[in-house]
Amino acid sequence: MPKALHQQAAQYIQNLIDQGSYPVGSRLPTENELAETLGVSRPTVRQALARLASEGVLNRIKGSGTFVAAPKLLHESTRFLASYRAESEKNHRQLRTEVLELATERAGEGVAARLGLPAGTKVTKLVRRRRVEGFQEGRPVVYTTVYAPYALYPEMETERFTDASLYDALEKRGLGVRHATRTLEVLPPPEAVRAQLELPPFEPAIFIASTGTDAAGRTVEYAESYYPAGCSRFVIEIAR
């Protein structure tokens, strides 16, 4: 079945952007001008622009016009259970991971509560920063801190998580994550996180807190992740 006219129009505009005819930040022609160029109606153009805006390709500013948005990285951690490495491989992205900290410590009240442990229980803390080759000139795309109960995974501190997936490592030890509870909010990140993400002064971050449990119902990991709001999109899939 041929694509609807508004889909064809959206693809035409997308091709112009991809070819560099309209660089990031540039203003598109008006709806009337685009309609005349494409030989379609103004409502068709409006649908096409709305579609591209919903995909993060365009910014539509009332009274000013339609502008090409900076590219955003689509994240799927709100859609299914998988490691960030597996998600990157699925989307053919070259991932670069830096391990900033890997050590054991005593859990504070907040982390302990998330893991279902008494405060002061020994946990392993893993802090990583990720970049994607060719995206945003190599600036970081996520900063994550993960805590795991030391008693369940005492050798975690000796692993090389620059290349290895924590989810895969948990799976090999019979601790595979089978259910996760995640909350998402947009907020100003702590200054230390802002510095690690190389964010400008007023850009917020998308913060996701995630608690993962295994098949036996044990909480095996608690993670806090910060994504630059200006270059991140998330897909949420709901079925009934």
C-alpha atoms as a PDB file:
ATOM      1  CA  MET A   1       0.000   0.000   0.000  1.00  0.00           C
ATOM      2  CA  PRO A   2       1.468   3.406  -0.972  1.00  0.00           C
ATOM      3  CA  LYS A   3       2.388   5.732   1.864  1.00  0.00           C
ATOM      4  CA  ALA A   4      -0.127   8.416   2.778  1.00  0.00           C
ATOM      5  CA  LEU A   5       0.630  11.855   1.350  1.00  0.00           C
ATOM      6  CA  HIS A   6       1.661  13.280   4.719  1.00  0.00           C
ATOM      7  CA  GLN A   7       4.107  10.387   5.191  1.00  0.00           C
ATOM      8  CA  GLN A   8       5.618  11.048   1.772  1.00  0.00           C
ATOM      9  CA  ALA A   9       5.886  14.745   2.600  1.00  0.00           C
ATOM     10  CA  ALA A  10       7.544  13.956   5.928  1.00  0.00           C
ATOM     11  CA  GLN A  11      10.062  11.696   4.176  1.00  0.00           C
ATOM     12  CA  TYR A  12      10.831  14.402   1.621  1.00  0.00           C
ATOM     13  CA  ILE A  13      11.523  16.953   4.371  1.00  0.00           C
ATOM     14  CA  GLN A  14      13.572  14.396   6.321  1.00  0.00           C
ATOM     15  CA  ASN A  15      15.692  13.734   3.217  1.00  0.00           C
ATOM     16  CA  LEU A  16      16.382  17.457   2.816  1.00  0.00           C
ATOM     17  CA  ILE A  17      17.538  17.627   6.431  1.00  0.00           C
ATOM     18  CA  ASP A  18      19.697  14.500   6.055  1.00  0.00           C
ATOM     19  CA  GLN A  19      21.309  15.952   2.934  1.00  0.00           C
ATOM     20  CA  GLY A  20      22.235  19.141   4.794  1.00  0.00           C
ATOM     21  CA  SER A  21      19.843  21.456   2.959  1.00  0.00           C
ATOM     22  CA  TYR A  22      18.515  22.475   6.375  1.00  0.00           C
ATOM     23  CA  PRO A  23      21.185  22.225   9.094  1.00  0.00           C
ATOM     24  CA  VAL A  24      20.456  22.061  12.825  1.00  0.00           C
ATOM     25  CA  GLY A  25      18.871  25.287  14.047  1.00  0.00           C
ATOM     26  CA  SER A  26      17.756  26.466  10.604  1.00  0.00           C
ATOM     27  CA  ARG A  27      14.201  27.528   9.941  1.00  0.00           C
ATOM     28  CA  LEU A  28      12.077  25.631   7.424  1.00  0.00           C
ATOM     29  CA  PRO A  29       9.964  27.367   4.786  1.00  0.00           C
ATOM     30  CA  THR A  30       6.386  28.167   5.792  1.00  0.00           C
ATOM     31  CA  GLU A  31       3.598  25.615   5.460  1.00  0.00           C
ATOM     32  CA  ASN A  32       2.300  27.455   2.383  1.00  0.00           C
ATOM     33  CA  GLU A  33       5.742  27.440   0.763  1.00  0.00           C
ATOM     34  CA  LEU A  34       6.265  23.750   1.482  1.00  0.00           C
ATOM     35  CA  ALA A  35       2.778  22.918   0.195  1.00  0.00           C
ATOM     36  CA  GLU A  36       3.535  24.712  -3.076  1.00  0.00           C
ATOM     37  CA  THR A  37       6.947  23.032  -3.410  1.00  0.00           C
ATOM     38  CA  LEU A  38       5.572  19.543  -2.715  1.00  0.00           C
ATOM     39  CA  GLY A  39       2.329  20.011  -4.652  1.00  0.00           C
ATOM     40  CA  VAL A  40       0.158  19.017  -1.694  1.00  0.00           C
ATOM     41  CA  SER A  41      -2.339  20.744   0.559  1.00  0.00           C
ATOM     42  CA  ARG A  42      -1.391  22.808   3.602  1.00  0.00           C
ATOM     43  CA  PRO A  43      -3.118  20.339   6.001  1.00  0.00           C
ATOM     44  CA  THR A  44      -0.954  17.562   4.520  1.00  0.00           C
ATOM     45  CA  VAL A  45       2.186  19.605   5.209  1.00  0.00           C
ATOM     46  CA  ARG A  46       0.945  20.357   8.714  1.00  0.00           C
ATOM     47  CA  GLN A  47       0.541  16.618   9.370  1.00  0.00           C
ATOM     48  CA  ALA A  48       4.034  15.935   8.009  1.00  0.00           C
ATOM     49  CA  LEU A  49       5.594  18.612  10.215  1.00  0.00           C
ATOM     50  CA  ALA A  50       3.688  17.362  13.256  1.00  0.00           C
ATOM     51  CA  ARG A  51       4.967  13.855  12.601  1.00  0.00           C
ATOM     52  CA  LEU A  52       8.587  15.013  12.375  1.00  0.00           C
ATOM     53  CA  ALA A  53       8.159  17.148  15.489  1.00  0.00           C
ATOM     54  CA  SER A  54       6.835  14.125  17.414  1.00  0.00           C
ATOM     55  CA  GLU A  55       9.931  12.201  16.325  1.00  0.00           C
ATOM     56  CA  GLY A  56      12.213  14.943  17.651  1.00  0.00           C
ATOM     57  CA  VAL A  57      13.405  16.015  14.198  1.00  0.00           C
ATOM     58  CA  LEU A  58      11.784  19.459  14.308  1.00  0.00           C
ATOM     59  CA  ASN A  59      10.932  22.101  16.892  1.00  0.00           C
ATOM     60  CA  ARG A  60       7.740  24.031  16.196  1.00  0.00           C
ATOM     61  CA  ILE A  61       7.651  27.403  17.963  1.00  0.00           C
ATOM     62  CA  LYS A  62       4.377  29.295  17.864  1.00  0.00           C
ATOM     63  CA  GLY A  63       4.797  32.681  16.232  1.00  0.00           C
ATOM     64  CA  SER A  64       8.359  31.947  15.113  1.00  0.00           C
ATOM     65  CA  GLY A  65       8.212  28.961  12.784  1.00  0.00           C
ATOM     66  CA  THR A  66       9.559  25.424  12.466  1.00  0.00           C
ATOM     67  CA  PHE A  67      13.233  24.720  13.132  1.00  0.00           C
ATOM     68  CA  VAL A  68      15.501  21.714  12.669  1.00  0.00           C
ATOM     69  CA  ALA A  69      16.233  20.187  16.065  1.00  0.00           C
ATOM     70  CA  ALA A  70      19.535  18.781  17.213  1.00  0.00           C
ATOM     71  CA  PRO A  71      19.563  14.979  16.781  1.00  0.00           C
ATOM     72  CA  LYS A  72      18.443  12.951  19.781  1.00  0.00           C
ATOM     73  CA  LEU A  73      19.432   9.452  20.808  1.00  0.00           C
ATOM     74  CA  LEU A  74      16.484   7.085  21.214  1.00  0.00           C
ATOM     75  CA  HIS A  75      16.687   4.984  24.378  1.00  0.00           C
ATOM     76  CA  GLU A  76      14.587   1.856  24.907  1.00  0.00           C
ATOM     77  CA  SER A  77      15.250   1.115  28.583  1.00  0.00           C
ATOM     78  CA  THR A  78      11.639   2.125  29.309  1.00  0.00           C
ATOM     79  CA  ARG A  79      10.409  -0.501  26.858  1.00  0.00           C
ATOM     80  CA  PHE A  80      12.176  -3.778  27.660  1.00  0.00           C
ATOM     81  CA  LEU A  81      14.740  -5.416  29.952  1.00  0.00           C
ATOM     82  CA  ALA A  82      18.195  -5.399  28.435  1.00  0.00           C
ATOM     83  CA  SER A  83      21.637  -4.039  29.165  1.00  0.00           C
ATOM     84  CA  TYR A  84      22.661  -0.708  27.670  1.00  0.00           C
ATOM     85  CA  ARG A  85      25.319  -2.581  25.712  1.00  0.00           C
ATOM     86  CA  ALA A  86      22.723  -4.965  24.227  1.00  0.00           C
ATOM     87  CA  GLU A  87      20.498  -2.017  23.311  1.00  0.00           C
ATOM     88  CA  SER A  88      23.430  -0.290  21.592  1.00  0.00           C
ATOM     89  CA  GLU A  89      24.327  -3.420  19.634  1.00  0.00           C
ATOM     90  CA  LYS A  90      20.698  -3.869  18.583  1.00  0.00           C
ATOM     91  CA  ASN A  91      20.724  -0.334  17.159  1.00  0.00           C
ATOM     92  CA  HIS A  92      24.189  -0.763  15.582  1.00  0.00           C
ATOM     93  CA  ARG A  93      25.800   1.852  17.817  1.00  0.00           C
ATOM     94  CA  GLN A  94      29.473   1.792  18.733  1.00  0.00           C
ATOM     95  CA  LEU A  95      29.503   2.180  22.508  1.00  0.00           C
ATOM     96  CA  ARG A  96      32.404   3.500  24.569  1.00  0.00           C
ATOM     97  CA  THR A  97      32.217   2.816  28.305  1.00  0.00           C
ATOM     98  CA  GLU A  98      34.321   4.318  31.079  1.00  0.00           C
ATOM     99  CA  VAL A  99      34.321   2.754  34.543  1.00  0.00           C
ATOM    100  CA  LEU A 100      34.680   5.683  36.920  1.00  0.00           C
ATOM    101  CA  GLU A 101      34.322   3.715  40.158  1.00  0.00           C
ATOM    102  CA  LEU A 102      34.021   0.072  41.208  1.00  0.00           C
ATOM    103  CA  ALA A 103      34.255  -0.596  44.929  1.00  0.00           C
ATOM    104  CA  THR A 104      32.478  -2.036  47.943  1.00  0.00           C
ATOM    105  CA  GLU A 105      30.908   0.211  50.552  1.00  0.00           C
ATOM    106  CA  ARG A 106      28.265   0.270  53.255  1.00  0.00           C
ATOM    107  CA  ALA A 107      24.838   1.158  51.913  1.00  0.00           C
ATOM    108  CA  GLY A 108      23.210   4.337  53.136  1.00  0.00           C
ATOM    109  CA  GLU A 109      19.541   4.300  54.121  1.00  0.00           C
ATOM    110  CA  GLY A 110      18.243   5.252  50.669  1.00  0.00           C
ATOM    111  CA  VAL A 111      20.182   2.641  48.692  1.00  0.00           C
ATOM    112  CA  ALA A 112      19.622  -0.013  51.360  1.00  0.00           C
ATOM    113  CA  ALA A 113      15.861   0.566  51.254  1.00  0.00           C
ATOM    114  CA  ARG A 114      15.838   0.201  47.461  1.00  0.00           C
ATOM    115  CA  LEU A 115      17.705  -3.090  47.737  1.00  0.00           C
ATOM    116  CA  GLY A 116      15.571  -4.319  50.629  1.00  0.00           C
ATOM    117  CA  LEU A 117      18.579  -4.449  52.953  1.00  0.00           C
ATOM    118  CA  PRO A 118      19.342  -3.037  56.399  1.00  0.00           C
ATOM    119  CA  ALA A 119      21.264   0.244  56.335  1.00  0.00           C
ATOM    120  CA  GLY A 120      24.990  -0.382  56.545  1.00  0.00           C
ATOM    121  CA  THR A 121      24.866  -3.646  54.588  1.00  0.00           C
ATOM    122  CA  LYS A 122      27.836  -4.192  52.302  1.00  0.00           C
ATOM    123  CA  VAL A 123      27.133  -3.460  48.626  1.00  0.00           C
ATOM    124  CA  THR A 124      29.197  -3.096  45.465  1.00  0.00           C
ATOM    125  CA  LYS A 125      28.987   0.244  43.681  1.00  0.00           C
ATOM    126  CA  LEU A 126      29.646   0.578  39.944  1.00  0.00           C
ATOM    127  CA  VAL A 127      29.770   3.992  38.265  1.00  0.00           C
ATOM    128  CA  ARG A 128      29.987   4.199  34.476  1.00  0.00           C
ATOM    129  CA  ARG A 129      29.799   6.867  31.787  1.00  0.00           C
ATOM    130  CA  ARG A 130      28.817   6.012  28.225  1.00  0.00           C
ATOM    131  CA  ARG A 131      29.457   7.660  24.870  1.00  0.00           C
ATOM    132  CA  VAL A 132      28.288   6.663  21.386  1.00  0.00           C
ATOM    133  CA  GLU A 133      30.716   6.982  18.505  1.00  0.00           C
ATOM    134  CA  GLY A 134      29.705   9.694  16.048  1.00  0.00           C
ATOM    135  CA  PHE A 135      26.973  11.179  18.244  1.00  0.00           C
ATOM    136  CA  GLN A 136      27.114  14.677  19.728  1.00  0.00           C
ATOM    137  CA  GLU A 137      30.840  14.940  18.988  1.00  0.00           C
ATOM    138  CA  GLY A 138      31.569  12.187  21.502  1.00  0.00           C
ATOM    139  CA  ARG A 139      29.921  13.847  24.493  1.00  0.00           C
ATOM    140  CA  PRO A 140      28.539  11.476  27.167  1.00  0.00           C
ATOM    141  CA  VAL A 141      25.014  10.123  26.644  1.00  0.00           C
ATOM    142  CA  VAL A 142      24.426   8.540  30.064  1.00  0.00           C
ATOM    143  CA  TYR A 143      25.956   8.477  33.540  1.00  0.00           C
ATOM    144  CA  THR A 144      24.915   5.495  35.680  1.00  0.00           C
ATOM    145  CA  THR A 145      25.520   4.357  39.228  1.00  0.00           C
ATOM    146  CA  VAL A 146      24.542   0.765  40.069  1.00  0.00           C
ATOM    147  CA  TYR A 147      24.464  -0.915  43.473  1.00  0.00           C
ATOM    148  CA  ALA A 148      24.339  -4.694  43.981  1.00  0.00           C
ATOM    149  CA  PRO A 149      24.206  -6.692  47.234  1.00  0.00           C
ATOM    150  CA  TYR A 150      27.727  -7.884  48.020  1.00  0.00           C
ATOM    151  CA  ALA A 151      26.422 -11.137  49.493  1.00  0.00           C
ATOM    152  CA  LEU A 152      24.829 -12.129  46.169  1.00  0.00           C
ATOM    153  CA  TYR A 153      27.789 -11.150  43.978  1.00  0.00           C
ATOM    154  CA  PRO A 154      30.972 -10.928  46.097  1.00  0.00           C
ATOM    155  CA  GLU A 155      33.356 -11.087  43.109  1.00  0.00           C
ATOM    156  CA  MET A 156      31.720  -8.166  41.268  1.00  0.00           C
ATOM    157  CA  GLU A 157      34.547  -5.796  42.220  1.00  0.00           C
ATOM    158  CA  THR A 158      37.031  -7.868  40.202  1.00  0.00           C
ATOM    159  CA  GLU A 159      35.071  -7.749  36.915  1.00  0.00           C
ATOM    160  CA  ARG A 160      35.961  -5.619  33.875  1.00  0.00           C
ATOM    161  CA  PHE A 161      32.771  -3.673  33.225  1.00  0.00           C
ATOM    162  CA  THR A 162      34.356  -1.524  30.560  1.00  0.00           C
ATOM    163  CA  ASP A 163      33.537  -4.330  28.139  1.00  0.00           C
ATOM    164  CA  ALA A 164      31.230  -6.628  30.110  1.00  0.00           C
ATOM    165  CA  SER A 165      27.486  -6.227  30.684  1.00  0.00           C
ATOM    166  CA  LEU A 166      26.305  -6.256  34.298  1.00  0.00           C
ATOM    167  CA  TYR A 167      23.034  -7.896  33.231  1.00  0.00           C
ATOM    168  CA  ASP A 168      24.982 -10.677  31.507  1.00  0.00           C
ATOM    169  CA  ALA A 169      27.198 -11.126  34.551  1.00  0.00           C
ATOM    170  CA  LEU A 170      24.156 -11.396  36.820  1.00  0.00           C
ATOM    171  CA  GLU A 171      22.563 -13.887  34.423  1.00  0.00           C
ATOM    172  CA  LYS A 172      25.624 -16.150  34.542  1.00  0.00           C
ATOM    173  CA  ARG A 173      25.335 -16.293  38.334  1.00  0.00           C
ATOM    174  CA  GLY A 174      21.650 -17.208  38.342  1.00  0.00           C
ATOM    175  CA  LEU A 175      20.698 -13.646  39.264  1.00  0.00           C
ATOM    176  CA  GLY A 176      19.228 -12.557  35.930  1.00  0.00           C
ATOM    177  CA  VAL A 177      16.886  -9.575  36.128  1.00  0.00           C
ATOM    178  CA  ARG A 178      13.335 -10.708  35.363  1.00  0.00           C
ATOM    179  CA  HIS A 179      11.399  -7.653  36.525  1.00  0.00           C
ATOM    180  CA  ALA A 180      12.283  -3.995  36.897  1.00  0.00           C
ATOM    181  CA  THR A 181      10.498  -1.019  38.398  1.00  0.00           C
ATOM    182  CA  ARG A 182      11.585   2.287  36.865  1.00  0.00           C
ATOM    183  CA  THR A 183      10.673   5.888  37.585  1.00  0.00           C
ATOM    184  CA  LEU A 184      11.503   8.753  35.241  1.00  0.00           C
ATOM    185  CA  GLU A 185      11.681  12.469  35.926  1.00  0.00           C
ATOM    186  CA  VAL A 186      13.319  15.563  34.476  1.00  0.00           C
ATOM    187  CA  LEU A 187      15.434  17.513  36.941  1.00  0.00           C
ATOM    188  CA  PRO A 188      18.570  19.606  37.374  1.00  0.00           C
ATOM    189  CA  PRO A 189      21.365  17.068  37.950  1.00  0.00           C
ATOM    190  CA  PRO A 190      23.823  17.324  40.849  1.00  0.00           C
ATOM    191  CA  GLU A 191      26.822  19.447  39.881  1.00  0.00           C
ATOM    192  CA  ALA A 192      29.141  16.416  39.945  1.00  0.00           C
ATOM    193  CA  VAL A 193      26.870  14.615  37.477  1.00  0.00           C
ATOM    194  CA  ARG A 194      26.532  17.725  35.328  1.00  0.00           C
ATOM    195  CA  ALA A 195      30.323  17.854  35.036  1.00  0.00           C
ATOM    196  CA  GLN A 196      30.536  14.158  34.110  1.00  0.00           C
ATOM    197  CA  LEU A 197      27.881  14.577  31.399  1.00  0.00           C
ATOM    198  CA  GLU A 198      29.533  17.786  30.147  1.00  0.00           C
ATOM    199  CA  LEU A 199      26.183  19.575  30.288  1.00  0.00           C
ATOM    200  CA  PRO A 200      25.809  23.343  29.831  1.00  0.00           C
ATOM    201  CA  PRO A 201      24.723  25.269  32.965  1.00  0.00           C
ATOM    202  CA  PHE A 202      20.948  25.205  32.541  1.00  0.00           C
ATOM    203  CA  GLU A 203      20.304  21.955  30.663  1.00  0.00           C
ATOM    204  CA  PRO A 204      18.306  19.470  32.759  1.00  0.00           C
ATOM    205  CA  ALA A 205      18.799  15.715  32.831  1.00  0.00           C
ATOM    206  CA  ILE A 206      16.364  12.841  32.516  1.00  0.00           C
ATOM    207  CA  PHE A 207      16.763  10.794  35.685  1.00  0.00           C
ATOM    208  CA  ILE A 208      15.727   7.136  35.807  1.00  0.00           C
ATOM    209  CA  ALA A 209      15.812   5.105  39.013  1.00  0.00           C
ATOM    210  CA  SER A 210      15.558   1.358  38.416  1.00  0.00           C
ATOM    211  CA  THR A 211      15.210  -1.598  40.783  1.00  0.00           C
ATOM    212  CA  GLY A 212      15.703  -5.077  39.305  1.00  0.00           C
ATOM    213  CA  THR A 213      14.610  -8.397  40.795  1.00  0.00           C
ATOM    214  CA  ASP A 214      15.399 -11.960  39.764  1.00  0.00           C
ATOM    215  CA  ALA A 215      13.092 -14.949  39.258  1.00  0.00           C
ATOM    216  CA  ALA A 216      13.135 -15.645  42.998  1.00  0.00           C
ATOM    217  CA  GLY A 217      11.996 -12.098  43.772  1.00  0.00           C
ATOM    218  CA  ARG A 218      15.360 -11.010  45.169  1.00  0.00           C
ATOM    219  CA  THR A 219      16.420  -7.432  44.492  1.00  0.00           C
ATOM    220  CA  VAL A 220      19.723  -7.855  42.672  1.00  0.00           C
ATOM    221  CA  GLU A 221      20.447  -4.300  41.522  1.00  0.00           C
ATOM    222  CA  TYR A 222      19.459  -0.687  42.008  1.00  0.00           C
ATOM    223  CA  ALA A 223      20.537   1.882  39.417  1.00  0.00           C
ATOM    224  CA  GLU A 224      20.417   5.640  39.042  1.00  0.00           C
ATOM    225  CA  SER A 225      20.941   6.936  35.502  1.00  0.00           C
ATOM    226  CA  TYR A 226      21.168  10.477  34.164  1.00  0.00           C
ATOM    227  CA  TYR A 227      20.661  11.269  30.461  1.00  0.00           C
ATOM    228  CA  PRO A 228      21.170  14.720  28.873  1.00  0.00           C
ATOM    229  CA  ALA A 229      17.635  15.995  28.274  1.00  0.00           C
ATOM    230  CA  GLY A 230      18.616  17.964  25.196  1.00  0.00           C
ATOM    231  CA  CYS A 231      19.716  14.929  23.174  1.00  0.00           C
ATOM    232  CA  SER A 232      17.684  12.042  24.637  1.00  0.00           C
ATOM    233  CA  ARG A 233      14.354  10.484  23.699  1.00  0.00           C
ATOM    234  CA  PHE A 234      12.634   7.459  25.229  1.00  0.00           C
ATOM    235  CA  VAL A 235      10.156   5.027  23.756  1.00  0.00           C
ATOM    236  CA  ILE A 236       7.378   3.732  26.015  1.00  0.00           C
ATOM    237  CA  GLU A 237       5.364   0.800  24.725  1.00  0.00           C
ATOM    238  CA  ILE A 238       2.028  -0.118  26.284  1.00  0.00           C
ATOM    239  CA  ALA A 239      -0.191  -3.058  25.383  1.00  0.00           C
ATOM    240  CA  ARG A 240      -3.699  -3.892  26.520  1.00  0.00           C
END
